[in-house]
């Protein structure tokens, strides 16, 4: 099966793999083409992160399907840097008491998470390009 592998704001390359291949096998093939070790890859297809023990069939891949490749490195976090929330908390404590600050922070985390979850990969790429002043594909 021929599938397209697209790096976040990067190259898109075709890759031939058996239609019953595991996601781990797909990652092994990707590592050969993109020179990125399996443990540094996160694959997403139709908004879902792909699990190594599943197969392409489990995710209903078809000929020509496009999978998104993200580079993940040790110590990388999906959350804000640790200092962000503590710095915000310190700032808010100048205006609110401790329990109110905790409620505000928790509400902001939930709100931020809901807003980010509503974005698709194209939205995220567009935002990143605008903030980094990168040309769009």
N, C-alpha and C. Protein backbone atom coordinates (compact mmCIF):
# COMPACT_ATOMS: atom_id res chain seq x y z
N UNK A 1 0.85 -1.17 0.00
CA UNK A 1 0.00 0.00 0.00
C UNK A 1 0.90 1.24 0.00
N UNK A 2 0.56 2.18 -0.84
CA UNK A 2 1.31 3.43 -0.91
C UNK A 2 0.61 4.47 -0.03
N UNK A 3 1.35 5.00 0.94
CA UNK A 3 0.82 6.07 1.79
C UNK A 3 1.75 7.26 1.75
N UNK A 4 1.23 8.42 2.07
CA UNK A 4 2.02 9.64 2.11
C UNK A 4 2.37 9.95 3.56
N UNK A 5 3.64 10.27 3.82
CA UNK A 5 4.09 10.63 5.16
C UNK A 5 4.49 12.10 5.10
N UNK A 6 3.84 12.93 5.93
CA UNK A 6 4.10 14.37 5.92
C UNK A 6 4.66 14.79 7.26
N UNK A 7 5.85 15.42 7.21
CA UNK A 7 6.44 16.02 8.40
C UNK A 7 5.70 17.31 8.69
N UNK A 8 5.62 17.68 9.97
CA UNK A 8 5.02 18.95 10.34
C UNK A 8 5.83 20.06 9.70
N UNK A 9 5.19 20.84 8.84
CA UNK A 9 5.82 21.91 8.07
C UNK A 9 7.12 21.42 7.43
N UNK A 10 7.00 20.34 6.70
CA UNK A 10 8.19 19.78 6.08
C UNK A 10 7.85 18.96 4.87
N UNK A 11 8.74 18.03 4.60
CA UNK A 11 8.63 17.18 3.43
C UNK A 11 7.44 16.24 3.51
N UNK A 12 6.95 15.90 2.34
CA UNK A 12 5.94 14.85 2.21
C UNK A 12 6.53 13.83 1.26
N UNK A 13 6.59 12.57 1.71
CA UNK A 13 7.19 11.52 0.90
C UNK A 13 6.28 10.31 0.84
N UNK A 14 6.24 9.65 -0.33
CA UNK A 14 5.46 8.41 -0.43
C UNK A 14 6.23 7.26 0.20
N UNK A 15 5.49 6.32 0.75
CA UNK A 15 6.10 5.16 1.39
C UNK A 15 5.26 3.93 1.08
N UNK A 16 5.92 2.88 0.60
CA UNK A 16 5.24 1.63 0.26
C UNK A 16 5.38 0.66 1.44
N UNK A 17 4.24 0.22 1.99
CA UNK A 17 4.23 -0.74 3.10
C UNK A 17 3.10 -1.73 2.87
N UNK A 18 3.21 -2.94 3.43
CA UNK A 18 2.10 -3.89 3.32
C UNK A 18 0.86 -3.34 4.01
N UNK A 19 -0.31 -3.62 3.47
CA UNK A 19 -1.55 -3.08 4.03
C UNK A 19 -1.85 -3.61 5.42
N UNK A 20 -1.26 -4.74 5.79
CA UNK A 20 -1.48 -5.29 7.13
C UNK A 20 -0.31 -4.99 8.09
N UNK A 21 0.54 -4.05 7.71
CA UNK A 21 1.72 -3.71 8.53
C UNK A 21 1.29 -3.10 9.86
N UNK A 22 2.10 -3.39 10.88
CA UNK A 22 1.87 -2.76 12.18
C UNK A 22 2.36 -1.31 12.12
N UNK A 23 1.91 -0.52 13.06
CA UNK A 23 2.37 0.87 13.13
C UNK A 23 3.86 0.89 13.43
N UNK A 24 4.33 -0.05 14.25
CA UNK A 24 5.76 -0.15 14.53
C UNK A 24 6.53 -0.41 13.24
N UNK A 25 6.03 -1.30 12.41
CA UNK A 25 6.69 -1.57 11.12
C UNK A 25 6.70 -0.31 10.25
N UNK A 26 5.59 0.43 10.24
CA UNK A 26 5.52 1.68 9.49
C UNK A 26 6.58 2.66 10.00
N UNK A 27 6.71 2.76 11.33
CA UNK A 27 7.72 3.66 11.91
C UNK A 27 9.14 3.23 11.53
N UNK A 28 9.38 1.93 11.46
CA UNK A 28 10.69 1.43 11.05
C UNK A 28 11.00 1.85 9.62
N UNK A 29 10.01 1.78 8.75
CA UNK A 29 10.19 2.21 7.36
C UNK A 29 10.40 3.73 7.29
N UNK A 30 9.64 4.45 8.08
CA UNK A 30 9.78 5.91 8.12
C UNK A 30 11.18 6.29 8.59
N UNK A 31 11.72 5.55 9.56
CA UNK A 31 13.06 5.88 10.07
C UNK A 31 14.12 5.76 8.98
N UNK A 32 13.92 4.85 8.05
CA UNK A 32 14.86 4.70 6.94
C UNK A 32 14.79 5.89 5.98
N UNK A 33 13.61 6.38 5.75
CA UNK A 33 13.41 7.45 4.77
C UNK A 33 13.70 8.84 5.36
N UNK A 34 13.26 9.06 6.59
CA UNK A 34 13.39 10.38 7.22
C UNK A 34 14.57 10.49 8.18
N UNK A 35 15.31 9.39 8.36
CA UNK A 35 16.47 9.38 9.26
C UNK A 35 16.08 9.82 10.67
N UNK A 36 14.95 9.30 11.15
CA UNK A 36 14.44 9.64 12.47
C UNK A 36 14.14 8.34 13.21
N UNK A 37 14.83 8.10 14.34
CA UNK A 37 14.61 6.84 15.07
C UNK A 37 13.15 6.65 15.46
N UNK A 38 12.75 5.40 15.54
CA UNK A 38 11.37 5.04 15.87
C UNK A 38 10.92 5.71 17.16
N UNK A 39 11.77 5.71 18.19
CA UNK A 39 11.37 6.26 19.49
C UNK A 39 11.21 7.79 19.47
N UNK A 40 11.64 8.44 18.39
CA UNK A 40 11.46 9.88 18.26
C UNK A 40 10.32 10.25 17.32
N UNK A 41 9.47 9.28 17.00
CA UNK A 41 8.36 9.52 16.08
C UNK A 41 7.02 9.47 16.80
N UNK A 42 6.16 10.39 16.43
CA UNK A 42 4.74 10.31 16.80
C UNK A 42 3.98 10.43 15.49
N UNK A 43 3.12 9.47 15.23
CA UNK A 43 2.33 9.46 14.00
C UNK A 43 0.88 9.77 14.32
N UNK A 44 0.27 10.60 13.48
CA UNK A 44 -1.15 10.90 13.63
C UNK A 44 -1.85 10.68 12.31
N UNK A 45 -3.04 10.10 12.41
CA UNK A 45 -3.85 9.85 11.24
C UNK A 45 -5.30 10.15 11.60
N UNK A 46 -5.90 11.02 10.84
CA UNK A 46 -7.29 11.44 11.09
C UNK A 46 -7.50 11.89 12.53
N UNK A 47 -6.51 12.65 13.04
CA UNK A 47 -6.62 13.22 14.38
C UNK A 47 -6.29 12.29 15.52
N UNK A 48 -5.88 11.06 15.22
CA UNK A 48 -5.56 10.10 16.28
C UNK A 48 -4.08 9.78 16.28
N UNK A 49 -3.51 9.69 17.48
CA UNK A 49 -2.13 9.23 17.62
C UNK A 49 -2.13 7.72 17.44
N UNK A 50 -1.22 7.23 16.62
CA UNK A 50 -1.20 5.80 16.28
C UNK A 50 -0.38 5.00 17.29
N UNK A 51 -0.93 3.88 17.73
CA UNK A 51 -0.27 3.00 18.70
C UNK A 51 0.56 1.95 17.97
N UNK A 52 1.77 1.70 18.47
CA UNK A 52 2.70 0.77 17.83
C UNK A 52 2.14 -0.63 17.64
N UNK A 53 1.30 -1.09 18.56
CA UNK A 53 0.82 -2.47 18.49
C UNK A 53 -0.41 -2.65 17.60
N UNK A 54 -0.91 -1.57 17.02
CA UNK A 54 -2.04 -1.64 16.09
C UNK A 54 -1.51 -1.77 14.67
N UNK A 55 -2.42 -2.02 13.73
CA UNK A 55 -2.03 -2.13 12.31
C UNK A 55 -2.67 -1.02 11.50
N UNK A 56 -2.22 -0.90 10.27
CA UNK A 56 -2.83 0.07 9.35
C UNK A 56 -4.30 -0.25 9.15
N UNK A 57 -4.62 -1.53 9.11
CA UNK A 57 -6.02 -1.95 8.95
C UNK A 57 -6.87 -1.50 10.13
N UNK A 58 -6.31 -1.53 11.34
CA UNK A 58 -7.05 -1.10 12.53
C UNK A 58 -7.50 0.35 12.41
N UNK A 59 -6.72 1.16 11.69
CA UNK A 59 -7.02 2.58 11.54
C UNK A 59 -7.69 2.89 10.19
N UNK A 60 -8.04 1.85 9.45
CA UNK A 60 -8.72 1.99 8.16
C UNK A 60 -7.91 2.79 7.13
N UNK A 61 -6.61 2.53 7.09
CA UNK A 61 -5.77 3.16 6.06
C UNK A 61 -6.20 2.65 4.70
N UNK A 62 -6.12 3.52 3.71
CA UNK A 62 -6.42 3.17 2.32
C UNK A 62 -5.25 3.60 1.45
N UNK A 63 -5.22 3.10 0.26
CA UNK A 63 -4.20 3.52 -0.71
C UNK A 63 -4.20 5.04 -0.80
N UNK A 64 -3.03 5.67 -0.64
CA UNK A 64 -2.91 7.13 -0.75
C UNK A 64 -3.19 7.89 0.53
N UNK A 65 -3.50 7.18 1.63
CA UNK A 65 -3.75 7.85 2.90
C UNK A 65 -2.53 8.67 3.31
N UNK A 66 -2.79 9.75 4.05
CA UNK A 66 -1.71 10.62 4.51
C UNK A 66 -1.61 10.52 6.03
N UNK A 67 -0.39 10.24 6.50
CA UNK A 67 -0.12 10.19 7.93
C UNK A 67 0.82 11.35 8.27
N UNK A 68 0.59 11.99 9.41
CA UNK A 68 1.42 13.11 9.85
C UNK A 68 2.49 12.62 10.80
N UNK A 69 3.73 13.02 10.54
CA UNK A 69 4.89 12.63 11.34
C UNK A 69 5.35 13.81 12.19
N UNK A 70 5.44 13.59 13.50
CA UNK A 70 5.93 14.60 14.41
C UNK A 70 7.20 14.08 15.06
N UNK A 71 8.19 14.94 15.20
CA UNK A 71 9.43 14.58 15.87
C UNK A 71 9.25 14.84 17.36
N UNK A 72 9.52 13.82 18.17
CA UNK A 72 9.39 13.92 19.61
C UNK A 72 10.74 13.57 20.22
N UNK A 73 11.21 14.42 21.11
CA UNK A 73 12.52 14.19 21.72
C UNK A 73 12.38 14.04 23.23
N UNK A 74 13.31 13.32 23.82
CA UNK A 74 13.28 13.08 25.26
C UNK A 74 13.18 14.40 26.01
N UNK A 75 12.32 14.42 26.98
CA UNK A 75 12.13 15.63 27.77
C UNK A 75 11.10 16.56 27.17
N UNK A 76 10.63 16.25 25.94
CA UNK A 76 9.60 17.10 25.33
C UNK A 76 8.30 16.91 26.08
N UNK A 77 7.55 17.97 26.19
CA UNK A 77 6.29 17.91 26.92
C UNK A 77 5.19 18.48 26.06
N UNK A 78 3.99 17.91 26.20
CA UNK A 78 2.85 18.45 25.48
C UNK A 78 2.24 19.62 26.23
N UNK A 79 2.70 19.86 27.46
CA UNK A 79 2.14 20.93 28.27
C UNK A 79 2.98 22.18 28.18
N UNK A 80 2.50 23.23 28.79
CA UNK A 80 3.27 24.46 28.86
C UNK A 80 4.54 24.19 29.66
N UNK A 81 5.58 25.00 29.45
CA UNK A 81 6.78 24.85 30.27
C UNK A 81 6.39 24.94 31.75
N UNK A 82 7.10 24.21 32.64
CA UNK A 82 6.72 24.18 34.04
C UNK A 82 6.59 25.56 34.67
N UNK A 83 7.40 26.50 34.25
CA UNK A 83 7.38 27.83 34.84
C UNK A 83 6.15 28.64 34.49
N UNK A 84 5.47 28.31 33.41
CA UNK A 84 4.34 29.11 32.96
C UNK A 84 3.25 29.20 34.01
N UNK A 85 2.78 28.04 34.48
CA UNK A 85 1.66 28.03 35.43
C UNK A 85 2.08 28.59 36.78
N UNK A 86 3.31 28.31 37.21
CA UNK A 86 3.75 28.85 38.50
C UNK A 86 3.94 30.36 38.42
N UNK A 87 4.46 30.84 37.29
CA UNK A 87 4.60 32.30 37.11
C UNK A 87 3.23 32.98 37.08
N UNK A 88 2.28 32.36 36.39
CA UNK A 88 0.93 32.92 36.34
C UNK A 88 0.31 32.91 37.74
N UNK A 89 0.52 31.83 38.46
CA UNK A 89 0.00 31.71 39.82
C UNK A 89 0.57 32.82 40.72
N UNK A 90 1.86 33.05 40.62
CA UNK A 90 2.50 34.11 41.41
C UNK A 90 1.90 35.46 41.07
N UNK A 91 1.72 35.71 39.79
CA UNK A 91 1.11 36.98 39.36
C UNK A 91 -0.29 37.14 39.93
N UNK A 92 -1.12 36.09 39.80
CA UNK A 92 -2.51 36.16 40.25
C UNK A 92 -2.62 36.31 41.77
N UNK A 93 -1.65 35.77 42.50
CA UNK A 93 -1.68 35.88 43.96
C UNK A 93 -1.55 37.34 44.41
N UNK A 94 -1.09 38.20 43.54
CA UNK A 94 -1.06 39.62 43.86
C UNK A 94 -2.45 40.25 43.85
N UNK A 95 -3.43 39.53 43.31
CA UNK A 95 -4.79 40.07 43.17
C UNK A 95 -5.86 39.20 43.83
N UNK A 96 -5.58 37.89 44.03
CA UNK A 96 -6.59 36.96 44.55
C UNK A 96 -5.98 36.12 45.66
N UNK A 97 -6.85 35.50 46.49
CA UNK A 97 -6.33 34.62 47.53
C UNK A 97 -5.99 33.25 46.93
N UNK A 98 -5.29 32.42 47.70
CA UNK A 98 -4.74 31.15 47.21
C UNK A 98 -5.77 30.21 46.60
N UNK A 99 -6.92 30.03 47.25
CA UNK A 99 -7.92 29.11 46.73
C UNK A 99 -8.52 29.63 45.42
N UNK A 100 -8.75 30.94 45.34
CA UNK A 100 -9.27 31.51 44.10
C UNK A 100 -8.25 31.37 42.96
N UNK A 101 -6.98 31.55 43.28
CA UNK A 101 -5.93 31.39 42.26
C UNK A 101 -5.95 29.97 41.71
N UNK A 102 -6.06 28.98 42.60
CA UNK A 102 -6.10 27.58 42.14
C UNK A 102 -7.30 27.33 41.24
N UNK A 103 -8.46 27.89 41.60
CA UNK A 103 -9.66 27.74 40.77
C UNK A 103 -9.47 28.39 39.41
N UNK A 104 -8.89 29.58 39.39
CA UNK A 104 -8.65 30.30 38.14
C UNK A 104 -7.70 29.50 37.25
N UNK A 105 -6.61 29.00 37.84
CA UNK A 105 -5.61 28.23 37.08
C UNK A 105 -6.25 26.97 36.50
N UNK A 106 -7.01 26.23 37.30
CA UNK A 106 -7.66 25.02 36.82
C UNK A 106 -8.64 25.33 35.69
N UNK A 107 -9.41 26.40 35.84
CA UNK A 107 -10.35 26.80 34.79
C UNK A 107 -9.59 27.15 33.51
N UNK A 108 -8.49 27.89 33.64
CA UNK A 108 -7.71 28.27 32.46
C UNK A 108 -7.11 27.04 31.77
N UNK A 109 -6.64 26.07 32.55
CA UNK A 109 -6.08 24.85 31.97
C UNK A 109 -7.14 24.09 31.17
N UNK A 110 -8.34 23.96 31.75
CA UNK A 110 -9.43 23.27 31.06
C UNK A 110 -9.84 24.02 29.79
N UNK A 111 -9.94 25.33 29.90
CA UNK A 111 -10.33 26.15 28.76
C UNK A 111 -9.28 26.06 27.65
N UNK A 112 -8.01 26.15 28.03
CA UNK A 112 -6.92 26.06 27.05
C UNK A 112 -6.93 24.69 26.38
N UNK A 113 -7.11 23.65 27.16
CA UNK A 113 -7.13 22.30 26.62
C UNK A 113 -8.28 22.13 25.63
N UNK A 114 -9.45 22.64 25.98
CA UNK A 114 -10.62 22.53 25.09
C UNK A 114 -10.37 23.28 23.78
N UNK A 115 -9.76 24.46 23.88
CA UNK A 115 -9.48 25.24 22.68
C UNK A 115 -8.45 24.55 21.79
N UNK A 116 -7.41 23.99 22.37
CA UNK A 116 -6.38 23.31 21.60
C UNK A 116 -6.95 22.03 20.98
N UNK A 117 -7.77 21.30 21.74
CA UNK A 117 -8.36 20.06 21.22
C UNK A 117 -9.26 20.31 20.02
N UNK A 118 -9.80 21.51 19.89
CA UNK A 118 -10.70 21.81 18.77
C UNK A 118 -9.93 22.13 17.48
N UNK A 119 -8.61 22.31 17.57
CA UNK A 119 -7.81 22.62 16.39
C UNK A 119 -7.47 21.36 15.62
N UNK A 120 -7.44 21.47 14.28
CA UNK A 120 -6.94 20.35 13.50
C UNK A 120 -5.48 20.63 13.16
N UNK A 121 -4.81 19.69 12.53
CA UNK A 121 -3.38 19.84 12.26
C UNK A 121 -3.09 21.02 11.33
N UNK A 122 -3.98 21.28 10.38
CA UNK A 122 -3.76 22.41 9.48
C UNK A 122 -3.85 23.73 10.24
N UNK A 123 -4.78 23.83 11.22
CA UNK A 123 -4.88 25.03 12.04
C UNK A 123 -3.59 25.24 12.83
N UNK A 124 -3.08 24.17 13.43
CA UNK A 124 -1.86 24.25 14.23
C UNK A 124 -0.68 24.67 13.36
N UNK A 125 -0.58 24.09 12.17
CA UNK A 125 0.51 24.43 11.27
C UNK A 125 0.42 25.90 10.85
N UNK A 126 -0.79 26.38 10.57
CA UNK A 126 -0.99 27.78 10.18
C UNK A 126 -0.56 28.71 11.31
N UNK A 127 -0.97 28.41 12.53
CA UNK A 127 -0.59 29.23 13.68
C UNK A 127 0.92 29.24 13.86
N UNK A 128 1.54 28.06 13.76
CA UNK A 128 2.99 27.97 13.92
C UNK A 128 3.71 28.79 12.86
N UNK A 129 3.25 28.70 11.61
CA UNK A 129 3.88 29.45 10.52
C UNK A 129 3.75 30.95 10.75
N UNK A 130 2.58 31.39 11.20
CA UNK A 130 2.38 32.82 11.45
C UNK A 130 3.27 33.31 12.59
N UNK A 131 3.35 32.54 13.66
CA UNK A 131 4.13 32.96 14.83
C UNK A 131 5.63 32.90 14.56
N UNK A 132 6.04 31.98 13.71
CA UNK A 132 7.45 31.82 13.40
C UNK A 132 7.84 32.52 12.10
N UNK A 133 6.88 33.18 11.46
CA UNK A 133 7.08 33.86 10.18
C UNK A 133 7.67 32.92 9.13
N UNK A 134 7.10 31.71 9.03
CA UNK A 134 7.54 30.73 8.05
C UNK A 134 6.61 30.75 6.86
N UNK A 135 7.13 30.45 5.66
CA UNK A 135 6.23 30.37 4.49
C UNK A 135 5.32 29.16 4.63
N UNK A 136 4.09 29.30 4.18
CA UNK A 136 3.12 28.20 4.20
C UNK A 136 3.30 27.37 2.94
N UNK A 137 2.97 26.07 3.04
CA UNK A 137 3.05 25.17 1.86
C UNK A 137 2.08 25.60 0.80
